[in-house]
């Protein structure tokens, strides 16, 4: 859909950008919508394991976790 000036709406521009990124991943042989993801840890296990670390401490350990952001609270 175009506005009166003949330009794309913001929503359509975002959809087009996302489709371009999806197509770029596919051209690299990466499935943008994989059927499975092999996690190595849960967030609860990581919280327990690293409970004594100060914020922003690096351990050198690489882990894979999965989940969804259900809410973002912007009032710190």
Protein backbone atom coordinates (compact mmCIF):
# COMPACT_ATOMS: atom_id res chain seq x y z
CA UNK A 1 0.00 0.00 0.00
CA UNK A 2 1.25 3.47 -0.81
CA UNK A 3 0.39 6.75 0.80
CA UNK A 4 -0.67 9.80 -1.23
CA UNK A 5 2.95 10.68 -2.00
CA UNK A 6 3.51 7.23 -3.56
CA UNK A 7 5.83 5.86 -0.87
CA UNK A 8 5.52 2.61 1.04
CA UNK A 9 4.04 2.67 4.49
CA UNK A 10 6.35 1.92 7.39
CA UNK A 11 4.78 -1.50 7.99
CA UNK A 12 5.25 -2.52 4.37
CA UNK A 13 8.84 -1.33 4.40
CA UNK A 14 9.52 -3.45 7.48
CA UNK A 15 7.89 -6.51 5.91
CA UNK A 16 10.01 -6.02 2.79
CA UNK A 17 13.17 -5.71 4.88
CA UNK A 18 12.37 -8.88 6.83
CA UNK A 19 11.68 -10.81 3.64
CA UNK A 20 15.00 -9.65 2.19
CA UNK A 21 16.82 -10.84 5.32
CA UNK A 22 15.00 -14.19 5.14
CA UNK A 23 15.99 -14.60 1.51
CA UNK A 24 19.60 -13.71 2.31
CA UNK A 25 19.73 -16.45 4.95
CA UNK A 26 18.25 -18.95 2.51
CA UNK A 27 20.83 -18.01 -0.14
CA UNK A 28 23.54 -18.87 2.41
CA UNK A 29 21.97 -22.29 2.98
CA UNK A 30 20.58 -21.36 6.41
CA UNK A 31 17.01 -22.32 7.22
CA UNK A 32 15.45 -19.22 8.84
CA UNK A 33 12.70 -21.36 10.37
CA UNK A 34 14.43 -24.51 11.66
CA UNK A 35 12.31 -27.37 12.97
CA UNK A 36 14.48 -27.88 16.03
CA UNK A 37 17.06 -26.13 18.18
CA UNK A 38 19.42 -28.12 20.38
CA UNK A 39 19.86 -26.18 23.60
CA UNK A 40 22.64 -27.01 26.01
CA UNK A 41 21.20 -25.42 29.16
CA UNK A 42 18.13 -23.82 30.68
CA UNK A 43 18.04 -20.29 32.05
CA UNK A 44 17.34 -21.69 35.53
CA UNK A 45 20.40 -23.97 35.39
CA UNK A 46 22.61 -21.08 34.28
CA UNK A 47 21.28 -18.82 37.05
CA UNK A 48 22.08 -21.51 39.59
CA UNK A 49 25.50 -22.37 38.17
CA UNK A 50 26.68 -18.76 37.92
CA UNK A 51 24.81 -17.22 40.86
CA UNK A 52 28.01 -15.88 42.45
CA UNK A 53 29.28 -13.99 39.40
CA UNK A 54 29.17 -10.23 39.19
CA UNK A 55 27.18 -8.70 36.29
CA UNK A 56 28.99 -8.72 32.90
CA UNK A 57 31.55 -11.30 34.03
CA UNK A 58 32.76 -13.46 31.14
CA UNK A 59 33.33 -17.18 31.76
CA UNK A 60 34.43 -18.26 28.31
CA UNK A 61 31.73 -20.94 28.30
CA UNK A 62 29.47 -21.07 25.24
CA UNK A 63 25.89 -22.23 25.83
CA UNK A 64 22.68 -22.42 23.82
CA UNK A 65 19.38 -21.44 25.43
CA UNK A 66 15.94 -21.04 23.91
CA UNK A 67 12.87 -19.08 24.87
CA UNK A 68 10.64 -16.15 24.10
CA UNK A 69 10.52 -12.62 25.37
CA UNK A 70 7.02 -12.25 26.77
CA UNK A 71 7.34 -8.72 28.13
CA UNK A 72 9.79 -5.85 28.13
CA UNK A 73 9.61 -3.43 31.02
CA UNK A 74 11.25 -0.16 30.06
CA UNK A 75 11.12 1.61 33.40
CA UNK A 76 14.31 0.24 34.89
